[in-house]
Amino acid sequence: FSQKGVSRAELIQKTEATIQVVDRVLA
C-alpha cells in the first residue's frame, strides 16, 4: 500500500507470475 510508481510492465509481470503460482498450487 505504500509503494508507488511501479511500472505497468512490472505489475503485469507480477500478475502473470501469480497466475502461474496459483494455478500450480491448485493443480
mmCIF file of all heavy atoms, coordinates in Angstrom:
data_MODEL
# 
_entry.id   MODEL 
# 
loop_
_atom_site.group_PDB 
_atom_site.id 
_atom_site.type_symbol 
_atom_site.label_atom_id 
_atom_site.label_alt_id 
_atom_site.label_comp_id 
_atom_site.label_asym_id 
_atom_site.label_entity_id 
_atom_site.label_seq_id 
_atom_site.pdbx_PDB_ins_code 
_atom_site.Cartn_x 
_atom_site.Cartn_y 
_atom_site.Cartn_z 
_atom_site.occupancy 
_atom_site.B_iso_or_equiv 
_atom_site.pdbx_formal_charge 
_atom_site.auth_seq_id 
_atom_site.auth_comp_id 
_atom_site.auth_asym_id 
_atom_site.auth_atom_id 
_atom_site.pdbx_PDB_model_num 
ATOM 1   N N   . PHE A 1 1  ? 0.803  -1.225  0.000   1.00 0.00 ? 1  PHE A N   1 
ATOM 2   C CA  . PHE A 1 1  ? 0.000  0.000   0.000   1.00 0.00 ? 1  PHE A CA  1 
ATOM 3   C C   . PHE A 1 1  ? 0.836  1.275   0.000   1.00 0.00 ? 1  PHE A C   1 
ATOM 4   O O   . PHE A 1 1  ? 0.324  2.343   -0.312  1.00 0.00 ? 1  PHE A O   1 
ATOM 5   C CB  . PHE A 1 1  ? -0.963 -0.001  1.191   1.00 0.00 ? 1  PHE A CB  1 
ATOM 6   C CG  . PHE A 1 1  ? -2.017 -1.070  1.069   1.00 0.00 ? 1  PHE A CG  1 
ATOM 7   C CD1 . PHE A 1 1  ? -1.891 -2.265  1.750   1.00 0.00 ? 1  PHE A CD1 1 
ATOM 8   C CD2 . PHE A 1 1  ? -3.113 -0.885  0.242   1.00 0.00 ? 1  PHE A CD2 1 
ATOM 9   C CE1 . PHE A 1 1  ? -2.849 -3.260  1.614   1.00 0.00 ? 1  PHE A CE1 1 
ATOM 10  C CE2 . PHE A 1 1  ? -4.077 -1.869  0.097   1.00 0.00 ? 1  PHE A CE2 1 
ATOM 11  C CZ  . PHE A 1 1  ? -3.947 -3.063  0.788   1.00 0.00 ? 1  PHE A CZ  1 
ATOM 12  N N   . SER A 1 2  ? 2.121  1.167   0.317   1.00 0.00 ? 2  SER A N   1 
ATOM 13  C CA  . SER A 1 2  ? 2.952  2.379   0.367   1.00 0.00 ? 2  SER A CA  1 
ATOM 14  C C   . SER A 1 2  ? 3.824  2.552   -0.871  1.00 0.00 ? 2  SER A C   1 
ATOM 15  O O   . SER A 1 2  ? 4.185  3.680   -1.211  1.00 0.00 ? 2  SER A O   1 
ATOM 16  C CB  . SER A 1 2  ? 3.832  2.365   1.616   1.00 0.00 ? 2  SER A CB  1 
ATOM 17  O OG  . SER A 1 2  ? 4.749  1.284   1.576   1.00 0.00 ? 2  SER A OG  1 
ATOM 18  N N   . GLN A 1 3  ? 4.144  1.478   -1.542  1.00 0.00 ? 3  GLN A N   1 
ATOM 19  C CA  . GLN A 1 3  ? 4.978  1.573   -2.740  1.00 0.00 ? 3  GLN A CA  1 
ATOM 20  C C   . GLN A 1 3  ? 4.212  2.276   -3.856  1.00 0.00 ? 3  GLN A C   1 
ATOM 21  O O   . GLN A 1 3  ? 3.023  2.039   -4.055  1.00 0.00 ? 3  GLN A O   1 
ATOM 22  C CB  . GLN A 1 3  ? 5.400  0.174   -3.182  1.00 0.00 ? 3  GLN A CB  1 
ATOM 23  C CG  . GLN A 1 3  ? 6.441  0.154   -4.254  1.00 0.00 ? 3  GLN A CG  1 
ATOM 24  C CD  . GLN A 1 3  ? 6.934  -1.263  -4.539  1.00 0.00 ? 3  GLN A CD  1 
ATOM 25  O OE1 . GLN A 1 3  ? 6.359  -2.239  -4.117  1.00 0.00 ? 3  GLN A OE1 1 
ATOM 26  N NE2 . GLN A 1 3  ? 8.038  -1.349  -5.275  1.00 0.00 ? 3  GLN A NE2 1 
ATOM 27  N N   . LYS A 1 4  ? 4.883  3.117   -4.597  1.00 0.00 ? 4  LYS A N   1 
ATOM 28  C CA  . LYS A 1 4  ? 4.253  3.870   -5.687  1.00 0.00 ? 4  LYS A CA  1 
ATOM 29  C C   . LYS A 1 4  ? 5.127  3.798   -6.931  1.00 0.00 ? 4  LYS A C   1 
ATOM 30  O O   . LYS A 1 4  ? 6.326  3.572   -6.855  1.00 0.00 ? 4  LYS A O   1 
ATOM 31  C CB  . LYS A 1 4  ? 4.061  5.350   -5.300  1.00 0.00 ? 4  LYS A CB  1 
ATOM 32  C CG  . LYS A 1 4  ? 3.281  5.573   -4.021  1.00 0.00 ? 4  LYS A CG  1 
ATOM 33  C CD  . LYS A 1 4  ? 1.840  5.160   -4.155  1.00 0.00 ? 4  LYS A CD  1 
ATOM 34  C CE  . LYS A 1 4  ? 1.097  5.437   -2.853  1.00 0.00 ? 4  LYS A CE  1 
ATOM 35  N NZ  . LYS A 1 4  ? 0.023  4.530   -2.611  1.00 0.00 ? 4  LYS A NZ  1 
ATOM 36  N N   . GLY A 1 5  ? 4.508  4.015   -8.078  1.00 0.00 ? 5  GLY A N   1 
ATOM 37  C CA  . GLY A 1 5  ? 5.242  4.184   -9.313  1.00 0.00 ? 5  GLY A CA  1 
ATOM 38  C C   . GLY A 1 5  ? 5.804  2.929   -9.954  1.00 0.00 ? 5  GLY A C   1 
ATOM 39  O O   . GLY A 1 5  ? 6.615  3.038   -10.869 1.00 0.00 ? 5  GLY A O   1 
ATOM 40  N N   . VAL A 1 6  ? 5.378  1.773   -9.519  1.00 0.00 ? 6  VAL A N   1 
ATOM 41  C CA  . VAL A 1 6  ? 5.814  0.545   -10.183 1.00 0.00 ? 6  VAL A CA  1 
ATOM 42  C C   . VAL A 1 6  ? 5.271  0.582   -11.617 1.00 0.00 ? 6  VAL A C   1 
ATOM 43  O O   . VAL A 1 6  ? 4.115  0.962   -11.831 1.00 0.00 ? 6  VAL A O   1 
ATOM 44  C CB  . VAL A 1 6  ? 5.298  -0.704  -9.436  1.00 0.00 ? 6  VAL A CB  1 
ATOM 45  C CG1 . VAL A 1 6  ? 5.671  -1.983  -10.160 1.00 0.00 ? 6  VAL A CG1 1 
ATOM 46  C CG2 . VAL A 1 6  ? 5.793  -0.710  -7.987  1.00 0.00 ? 6  VAL A CG2 1 
ATOM 47  N N   . SER A 1 7  ? 6.083  0.223   -12.571 1.00 0.00 ? 7  SER A N   1 
ATOM 48  C CA  . SER A 1 7  ? 5.654  0.315   -13.968 1.00 0.00 ? 7  SER A CA  1 
ATOM 49  C C   . SER A 1 7  ? 4.522  -0.653  -14.270 1.00 0.00 ? 7  SER A C   1 
ATOM 50  O O   . SER A 1 7  ? 4.375  -1.689  -13.618 1.00 0.00 ? 7  SER A O   1 
ATOM 51  C CB  . SER A 1 7  ? 6.824  0.031   -14.908 1.00 0.00 ? 7  SER A CB  1 
ATOM 52  O OG  . SER A 1 7  ? 7.145  -1.348  -14.879 1.00 0.00 ? 7  SER A OG  1 
ATOM 53  N N   . ARG A 1 8  ? 3.742  -0.308  -15.270 1.00 0.00 ? 8  ARG A N   1 
ATOM 54  C CA  . ARG A 1 8  ? 2.667  -1.193  -15.739 1.00 0.00 ? 8  ARG A CA  1 
ATOM 55  C C   . ARG A 1 8  ? 3.253  -2.562  -16.102 1.00 0.00 ? 8  ARG A C   1 
ATOM 56  O O   . ARG A 1 8  ? 2.690  -3.593  -15.761 1.00 0.00 ? 8  ARG A O   1 
ATOM 57  C CB  . ARG A 1 8  ? 1.964  -0.581  -16.941 1.00 0.00 ? 8  ARG A CB  1 
ATOM 58  C CG  . ARG A 1 8  ? 0.862  -1.461  -17.487 1.00 0.00 ? 8  ARG A CG  1 
ATOM 59  C CD  . ARG A 1 8  ? 0.330  -1.091  -18.873 1.00 0.00 ? 8  ARG A CD  1 
ATOM 60  N NE  . ARG A 1 8  ? 0.444  0.262   -19.283 1.00 0.00 ? 8  ARG A NE  1 
ATOM 61  C CZ  . ARG A 1 8  ? -0.577 1.064   -19.585 1.00 0.00 ? 8  ARG A CZ  1 
ATOM 62  N NH1 . ARG A 1 8  ? -1.814 0.624   -19.515 1.00 0.00 ? 8  ARG A NH1 1 
ATOM 63  N NH2 . ARG A 1 8  ? -0.372 2.288   -19.993 1.00 0.00 ? 8  ARG A NH2 1 
ATOM 64  N N   . ALA A 1 9  ? 4.385  -2.549  -16.801 1.00 0.00 ? 9  ALA A N   1 
ATOM 65  C CA  . ALA A 1 9  ? 5.003  -3.808  -17.226 1.00 0.00 ? 9  ALA A CA  1 
ATOM 66  C C   . ALA A 1 9  ? 5.340  -4.693  -16.028 1.00 0.00 ? 9  ALA A C   1 
ATOM 67  O O   . ALA A 1 9  ? 5.124  -5.914  -16.062 1.00 0.00 ? 9  ALA A O   1 
ATOM 68  C CB  . ALA A 1 9  ? 6.260  -3.524  -18.050 1.00 0.00 ? 9  ALA A CB  1 
ATOM 69  N N   . GLU A 1 10 ? 5.867  -4.091  -14.963 1.00 0.00 ? 10 GLU A N   1 
ATOM 70  C CA  . GLU A 1 10 ? 6.207  -4.879  -13.778 1.00 0.00 ? 10 GLU A CA  1 
ATOM 71  C C   . GLU A 1 10 ? 4.950  -5.380  -13.070 1.00 0.00 ? 10 GLU A C   1 
ATOM 72  O O   . GLU A 1 10 ? 4.917  -6.516  -12.591 1.00 0.00 ? 10 GLU A O   1 
ATOM 73  C CB  . GLU A 1 10 ? 7.070  -4.067  -12.816 1.00 0.00 ? 10 GLU A CB  1 
ATOM 74  C CG  . GLU A 1 10 ? 7.564  -4.906  -11.645 1.00 0.00 ? 10 GLU A CG  1 
ATOM 75  C CD  . GLU A 1 10 ? 8.520  -4.178  -10.723 1.00 0.00 ? 10 GLU A CD  1 
ATOM 76  O OE1 . GLU A 1 10 ? 9.034  -3.100  -11.094 1.00 0.00 ? 10 GLU A OE1 1 
ATOM 77  O OE2 . GLU A 1 10 ? 8.754  -4.695  -9.613  1.00 0.00 ? 10 GLU A OE2 1 
ATOM 78  N N   . LEU A 1 11 ? 3.911  -4.563  -12.999 1.00 0.00 ? 11 LEU A N   1 
ATOM 79  C CA  . LEU A 1 11 ? 2.655  -5.009  -12.387 1.00 0.00 ? 11 LEU A CA  1 
ATOM 80  C C   . LEU A 1 11 ? 2.067  -6.191  -13.174 1.00 0.00 ? 11 LEU A C   1 
ATOM 81  O O   . LEU A 1 11 ? 1.585  -7.162  -12.581 1.00 0.00 ? 11 LEU A O   1 
ATOM 82  C CB  . LEU A 1 11 ? 1.650  -3.861  -12.324 1.00 0.00 ? 11 LEU A CB  1 
ATOM 83  C CG  . LEU A 1 11 ? 1.988  -2.710  -11.379 1.00 0.00 ? 11 LEU A CG  1 
ATOM 84  C CD1 . LEU A 1 11 ? 1.015  -1.557  -11.588 1.00 0.00 ? 11 LEU A CD1 1 
ATOM 85  C CD2 . LEU A 1 11 ? 1.976  -3.177  -9.923  1.00 0.00 ? 11 LEU A CD2 1 
ATOM 86  N N   . ILE A 1 12 ? 2.122  -6.098  -14.487 1.00 0.00 ? 12 ILE A N   1 
ATOM 87  C CA  . ILE A 1 12 ? 1.616  -7.187  -15.330 1.00 0.00 ? 12 ILE A CA  1 
ATOM 88  C C   . ILE A 1 12 ? 2.467  -8.438  -15.144 1.00 0.00 ? 12 ILE A C   1 
ATOM 89  O O   . ILE A 1 12 ? 1.938  -9.551  -15.028 1.00 0.00 ? 12 ILE A O   1 
ATOM 90  C CB  . ILE A 1 12 ? 1.550  -6.737  -16.801 1.00 0.00 ? 12 ILE A CB  1 
ATOM 91  C CG1 . ILE A 1 12 ? 0.400  -5.728  -16.971 1.00 0.00 ? 12 ILE A CG1 1 
ATOM 92  C CG2 . ILE A 1 12 ? 1.389  -7.934  -17.740 1.00 0.00 ? 12 ILE A CG2 1 
ATOM 93  C CD1 . ILE A 1 12 ? 0.349  -5.050  -18.330 1.00 0.00 ? 12 ILE A CD1 1 
ATOM 94  N N   . GLN A 1 13 ? 3.782  -8.264  -15.066 1.00 0.00 ? 13 GLN A N   1 
ATOM 95  C CA  . GLN A 1 13 ? 4.669  -9.411  -14.858 1.00 0.00 ? 13 GLN A CA  1 
ATOM 96  C C   . GLN A 1 13 ? 4.363  -10.081 -13.521 1.00 0.00 ? 13 GLN A C   1 
ATOM 97  O O   . GLN A 1 13 ? 4.302  -11.308 -13.433 1.00 0.00 ? 13 GLN A O   1 
ATOM 98  C CB  . GLN A 1 13 ? 6.132  -8.965  -14.929 1.00 0.00 ? 13 GLN A CB  1 
ATOM 99  C CG  . GLN A 1 13 ? 7.153  -10.071 -14.767 1.00 0.00 ? 13 GLN A CG  1 
ATOM 100 C CD  . GLN A 1 13 ? 7.437  -10.420 -13.313 1.00 0.00 ? 13 GLN A CD  1 
ATOM 101 O OE1 . GLN A 1 13 ? 7.482  -9.575  -12.433 1.00 0.00 ? 13 GLN A OE1 1 
ATOM 102 N NE2 . GLN A 1 13 ? 7.605  -11.698 -13.058 1.00 0.00 ? 13 GLN A NE2 1 
ATOM 103 N N   . LYS A 1 14 ? 4.161  -9.290  -12.474 1.00 0.00 ? 14 LYS A N   1 
ATOM 104 C CA  . LYS A 1 14 ? 3.833  -9.846  -11.159 1.00 0.00 ? 14 LYS A CA  1 
ATOM 105 C C   . LYS A 1 14 ? 2.488  -10.580 -11.203 1.00 0.00 ? 14 LYS A C   1 
ATOM 106 O O   . LYS A 1 14 ? 2.326  -11.625 -10.577 1.00 0.00 ? 14 LYS A O   1 
ATOM 107 C CB  . LYS A 1 14 ? 3.793  -8.745  -10.103 1.00 0.00 ? 14 LYS A CB  1 
ATOM 108 C CG  . LYS A 1 14 ? 5.151  -8.178  -9.726  1.00 0.00 ? 14 LYS A CG  1 
ATOM 109 C CD  . LYS A 1 14 ? 4.994  -7.012  -8.757  1.00 0.00 ? 14 LYS A CD  1 
ATOM 110 C CE  . LYS A 1 14 ? 6.312  -6.393  -8.381  1.00 0.00 ? 14 LYS A CE  1 
ATOM 111 N NZ  . LYS A 1 14 ? 7.155  -7.236  -7.547  1.00 0.00 ? 14 LYS A NZ  1 
ATOM 112 N N   . THR A 1 15 ? 1.547  -10.032 -11.934 1.00 0.00 ? 15 THR A N   1 
ATOM 113 C CA  . THR A 1 15 ? 0.242  -10.673 -12.069 1.00 0.00 ? 15 THR A CA  1 
ATOM 114 C C   . THR A 1 15 ? 0.369  -12.001 -12.812 1.00 0.00 ? 15 THR A C   1 
ATOM 115 O O   . THR A 1 15 ? -0.201 -13.015 -12.404 1.00 0.00 ? 15 THR A O   1 
ATOM 116 C CB  . THR A 1 15 ? -0.751 -9.729  -12.774 1.00 0.00 ? 15 THR A CB  1 
ATOM 117 O OG1 . THR A 1 15 ? -0.840 -8.513  -12.032 1.00 0.00 ? 15 THR A OG1 1 
ATOM 118 C CG2 . THR A 1 15 ? -2.129 -10.366 -12.896 1.00 0.00 ? 15 THR A CG2 1 
ATOM 119 N N   . GLU A 1 16 ? 1.119  -12.003 -13.902 1.00 0.00 ? 16 GLU A N   1 
ATOM 120 C CA  . GLU A 1 16 ? 1.324  -13.233 -14.678 1.00 0.00 ? 16 GLU A CA  1 
ATOM 121 C C   . GLU A 1 16 ? 2.022  -14.303 -13.841 1.00 0.00 ? 16 GLU A C   1 
ATOM 122 O O   . GLU A 1 16 ? 1.658  -15.485 -13.899 1.00 0.00 ? 16 GLU A O   1 
ATOM 123 C CB  . GLU A 1 16 ? 2.126  -12.940 -15.940 1.00 0.00 ? 16 GLU A CB  1 
ATOM 124 C CG  . GLU A 1 16 ? 1.345  -12.162 -16.975 1.00 0.00 ? 16 GLU A CG  1 
ATOM 125 C CD  . GLU A 1 16 ? 2.186  -11.689 -18.156 1.00 0.00 ? 16 GLU A CD  1 
ATOM 126 O OE1 . GLU A 1 16 ? 3.436  -11.604 -18.030 1.00 0.00 ? 16 GLU A OE1 1 
ATOM 127 O OE2 . GLU A 1 16 ? 1.580  -11.403 -19.207 1.00 0.00 ? 16 GLU A OE2 1 
ATOM 128 N N   . ALA A 1 17 ? 3.012  -13.905 -13.060 1.00 0.00 ? 17 ALA A N   1 
ATOM 129 C CA  . ALA A 1 17 ? 3.705  -14.858 -12.186 1.00 0.00 ? 17 ALA A CA  1 
ATOM 130 C C   . ALA A 1 17 ? 2.756  -15.422 -11.133 1.00 0.00 ? 17 ALA A C   1 
ATOM 131 O O   . ALA A 1 17 ? 2.809  -16.609 -10.801 1.00 0.00 ? 17 ALA A O   1 
ATOM 132 C CB  . ALA A 1 17 ? 4.913  -14.186 -11.531 1.00 0.00 ? 17 ALA A CB  1 
ATOM 133 N N   . THR A 1 18 ? 1.865  -14.567 -10.634 1.00 0.00 ? 18 THR A N   1 
ATOM 134 C CA  . THR A 1 18 ? 0.890  -15.007 -9.639  1.00 0.00 ? 18 THR A CA  1 
ATOM 135 C C   . THR A 1 18 ? -0.095 -15.998 -10.248 1.00 0.00 ? 18 THR A C   1 
ATOM 136 O O   . THR A 1 18 ? -0.476 -16.977 -9.599  1.00 0.00 ? 18 THR A O   1 
ATOM 137 C CB  . THR A 1 18 ? 0.162  -13.791 -9.021  1.00 0.00 ? 18 THR A CB  1 
ATOM 138 O OG1 . THR A 1 18 ? 1.145  -12.924 -8.437  1.00 0.00 ? 18 THR A OG1 1 
ATOM 139 C CG2 . THR A 1 18 ? -0.841 -14.205 -7.972  1.00 0.00 ? 18 THR A CG2 1 
ATOM 140 N N   . ILE A 1 19 ? -0.491 -15.773 -11.484 1.00 0.00 ? 19 ILE A N   1 
ATOM 141 C CA  . ILE A 1 19 ? -1.371 -16.721 -12.179 1.00 0.00 ? 19 ILE A CA  1 
ATOM 142 C C   . ILE A 1 19 ? -0.723 -18.104 -12.190 1.00 0.00 ? 19 ILE A C   1 
ATOM 143 O O   . ILE A 1 19 ? -1.380 -19.112 -11.892 1.00 0.00 ? 19 ILE A O   1 
ATOM 144 C CB  . ILE A 1 19 ? -1.672 -16.248 -13.620 1.00 0.00 ? 19 ILE A CB  1 
ATOM 145 C CG1 . ILE A 1 19 ? -2.554 -15.008 -13.607 1.00 0.00 ? 19 ILE A CG1 1 
ATOM 146 C CG2 . ILE A 1 19 ? -2.323 -17.380 -14.431 1.00 0.00 ? 19 ILE A CG2 1 
ATOM 147 C CD1 . ILE A 1 19 ? -2.684 -14.314 -14.968 1.00 0.00 ? 19 ILE A CD1 1 
ATOM 148 N N   . GLN A 1 20 ? 0.565  -18.147 -12.497 1.00 0.00 ? 20 GLN A N   1 
ATOM 149 C CA  . GLN A 1 20 ? 1.283  -19.427 -12.555 1.00 0.00 ? 20 GLN A CA  1 
ATOM 150 C C   . GLN A 1 20 ? 1.348  -20.102 -11.188 1.00 0.00 ? 20 GLN A C   1 
ATOM 151 O O   . GLN A 1 20 ? 1.116  -21.304 -11.071 1.00 0.00 ? 20 GLN A O   1 
ATOM 152 C CB  . GLN A 1 20 ? 2.695  -19.221 -13.121 1.00 0.00 ? 20 GLN A CB  1 
ATOM 153 C CG  . GLN A 1 20 ? 2.721  -18.684 -14.533 1.00 0.00 ? 20 GLN A CG  1 
ATOM 154 C CD  . GLN A 1 20 ? 1.974  -19.568 -15.514 1.00 0.00 ? 20 GLN A CD  1 
ATOM 155 O OE1 . GLN A 1 20 ? 2.144  -20.778 -15.541 1.00 0.00 ? 20 GLN A OE1 1 
ATOM 156 N NE2 . GLN A 1 20 ? 1.110  -18.966 -16.312 1.00 0.00 ? 20 GLN A NE2 1 
ATOM 157 N N   . VAL A 1 21 ? 1.647  -19.326 -10.156 1.00 0.00 ? 21 VAL A N   1 
ATOM 158 C CA  . VAL A 1 21 ? 1.739  -19.876 -8.798  1.00 0.00 ? 21 VAL A CA  1 
ATOM 159 C C   . VAL A 1 21 ? 0.389  -20.432 -8.357  1.00 0.00 ? 21 VAL A C   1 
ATOM 160 O O   . VAL A 1 21 ? 0.287  -21.561 -7.881  1.00 0.00 ? 21 VAL A O   1 
ATOM 161 C CB  . VAL A 1 21 ? 2.237  -18.799 -7.800  1.00 0.00 ? 21 VAL A CB  1 
ATOM 162 C CG1 . VAL A 1 21 ? 2.047  -19.253 -6.354  1.00 0.00 ? 21 VAL A CG1 1 
ATOM 163 C CG2 . VAL A 1 21 ? 3.691  -18.470 -8.063  1.00 0.00 ? 21 VAL A CG2 1 
ATOM 164 N N   . VAL A 1 22 ? -0.651 -19.629 -8.506  1.00 0.00 ? 22 VAL A N   1 
ATOM 165 C CA  . VAL A 1 22 ? -1.988 -20.048 -8.065  1.00 0.00 ? 22 VAL A CA  1 
ATOM 166 C C   . VAL A 1 22 ? -2.414 -21.312 -8.802  1.00 0.00 ? 22 VAL A C   1 
ATOM 167 O O   . VAL A 1 22 ? -2.885 -22.277 -8.187  1.00 0.00 ? 22 VAL A O   1 
ATOM 168 C CB  . VAL A 1 22 ? -3.015 -18.904 -8.265  1.00 0.00 ? 22 VAL A CB  1 
ATOM 169 C CG1 . VAL A 1 22 ? -4.442 -19.402 -8.089  1.00 0.00 ? 22 VAL A CG1 1 
ATOM 170 C CG2 . VAL A 1 22 ? -2.715 -17.755 -7.305  1.00 0.00 ? 22 VAL A CG2 1 
ATOM 171 N N   . ASP A 1 23 ? -2.218 -21.329 -10.107 1.00 0.00 ? 23 ASP A N   1 
ATOM 172 C CA  . ASP A 1 23 ? -2.638 -22.492 -10.878 1.00 0.00 ? 23 ASP A CA  1 
ATOM 173 C C   . ASP A 1 23 ? -1.848 -23.738 -10.485 1.00 0.00 ? 23 ASP A C   1 
ATOM 174 O O   . ASP A 1 23 ? -2.414 -24.820 -10.347 1.00 0.00 ? 23 ASP A O   1 
ATOM 175 C CB  . ASP A 1 23 ? -2.521 -22.216 -12.374 1.00 0.00 ? 23 ASP A CB  1 
ATOM 176 C CG  . ASP A 1 23 ? -3.249 -23.270 -13.176 1.00 0.00 ? 23 ASP A CG  1 
ATOM 177 O OD1 . ASP A 1 23 ? -4.494 -23.369 -13.037 1.00 0.00 ? 23 ASP A OD1 1 
ATOM 178 O OD2 . ASP A 1 23 ? -2.590 -24.027 -13.912 1.00 0.00 ? 23 ASP A OD2 1 
ATOM 179 N N   . ARG A 1 24 ? -0.547 -23.586 -10.299 1.00 0.00 ? 24 ARG A N   1 
ATOM 180 C CA  . ARG A 1 24 ? 0.290  -24.734 -9.908  1.00 0.00 ? 24 ARG A CA  1 
ATOM 181 C C   . ARG A 1 24 ? -0.125 -25.290 -8.545  1.00 0.00 ? 24 ARG A C   1 
ATOM 182 O O   . ARG A 1 24 ? -0.254 -26.507 -8.373  1.00 0.00 ? 24 ARG A O   1 
ATOM 183 C CB  . ARG A 1 24 ? 1.769  -24.343 -9.917  1.00 0.00 ? 24 ARG A CB  1 
ATOM 184 C CG  . ARG A 1 24 ? 2.709  -25.522 -9.668  1.00 0.00 ? 24 ARG A CG  1 
ATOM 185 C CD  . ARG A 1 24 ? 4.176  -25.150 -9.780  1.00 0.00 ? 24 ARG A CD  1 
ATOM 186 N NE  . ARG A 1 24 ? 4.563  -24.217 -8.731  1.00 0.00 ? 24 ARG A NE  1 
ATOM 187 C CZ  . ARG A 1 24 ? 4.891  -22.940 -8.921  1.00 0.00 ? 24 ARG A CZ  1 
ATOM 188 N NH1 . ARG A 1 24 ? 4.869  -22.428 -10.131 1.00 0.00 ? 24 ARG A NH1 1 
ATOM 189 N NH2 . ARG A 1 24 ? 5.239  -22.177 -7.919  1.00 0.00 ? 24 ARG A NH2 1 
ATOM 190 N N   . VAL A 1 25 ? -0.353 -24.411 -7.593  1.00 0.00 ? 25 VAL A N   1 
ATOM 191 C CA  . VAL A 1 25 ? -0.740 -24.867 -6.250  1.00 0.00 ? 25 VAL A CA  1 
ATOM 192 C C   . VAL A 1 25 ? -2.085 -25.590 -6.302  1.00 0.00 ? 25 VAL A C   1 
ATOM 193 O O   . VAL A 1 25 ? -2.231 -26.688 -5.763  1.00 0.00 ? 25 VAL A O   1 
ATOM 194 C CB  . VAL A 1 25 ? -0.785 -23.690 -5.250  1.00 0.00 ? 25 VAL A CB  1 
ATOM 195 C CG1 . VAL A 1 25 ? -1.420 -24.107 -3.933  1.00 0.00 ? 25 VAL A CG1 1 
ATOM 196 C CG2 . VAL A 1 25 ? 0.621  -23.141 -5.014  1.00 0.00 ? 25 VAL A CG2 1 
ATOM 197 N N   . LEU A 1 26 ? -3.054 -24.989 -6.968  1.00 0.00 ? 26 LEU A N   1 
ATOM 198 C CA  . LEU A 1 26 ? -4.377 -25.610 -7.025  1.00 0.00 ? 26 LEU A CA  1 
ATOM 199 C C   . LEU A 1 26 ? -4.353 -26.910 -7.832  1.00 0.00 ? 26 LEU A C   1 
ATOM 200 O O   . LEU A 1 26 ? -5.065 -27.855 -7.496  1.00 0.00 ? 26 LEU A O   1 
ATOM 201 C CB  . LEU A 1 26 ? -5.398 -24.631 -7.604  1.00 0.00 ? 26 LEU A CB  1 
ATOM 202 C CG  . LEU A 1 26 ? -5.709 -23.418 -6.718  1.00 0.00 ? 26 LEU A CG  1 
ATOM 203 C CD1 . LEU A 1 26 ? -6.666 -22.473 -7.424  1.00 0.00 ? 26 LEU A CD1 1 
ATOM 204 C CD2 . LEU A 1 26 ? -6.256 -23.830 -5.357  1.00 0.00 ? 26 LEU A CD2 1 
ATOM 205 N N   . ALA A 1 27 ? -3.527 -26.983 -8.864  1.00 0.00 ? 27 ALA A N   1 
ATOM 206 C CA  . ALA A 1 27 ? -3.425 -28.207 -9.671  1.00 0.00 ? 27 ALA A CA  1 
ATOM 207 C C   . ALA A 1 27 ? -2.860 -29.366 -8.867  1.00 0.00 ? 27 ALA A C   1 
ATOM 208 O O   . ALA A 1 27 ? -3.159 -30.535 -9.156  1.00 0.00 ? 27 ALA A O   1 
ATOM 209 C CB  . ALA A 1 27 ? -2.560 -27.948 -10.902 1.00 0.00 ? 27 ALA A CB  1 
# 
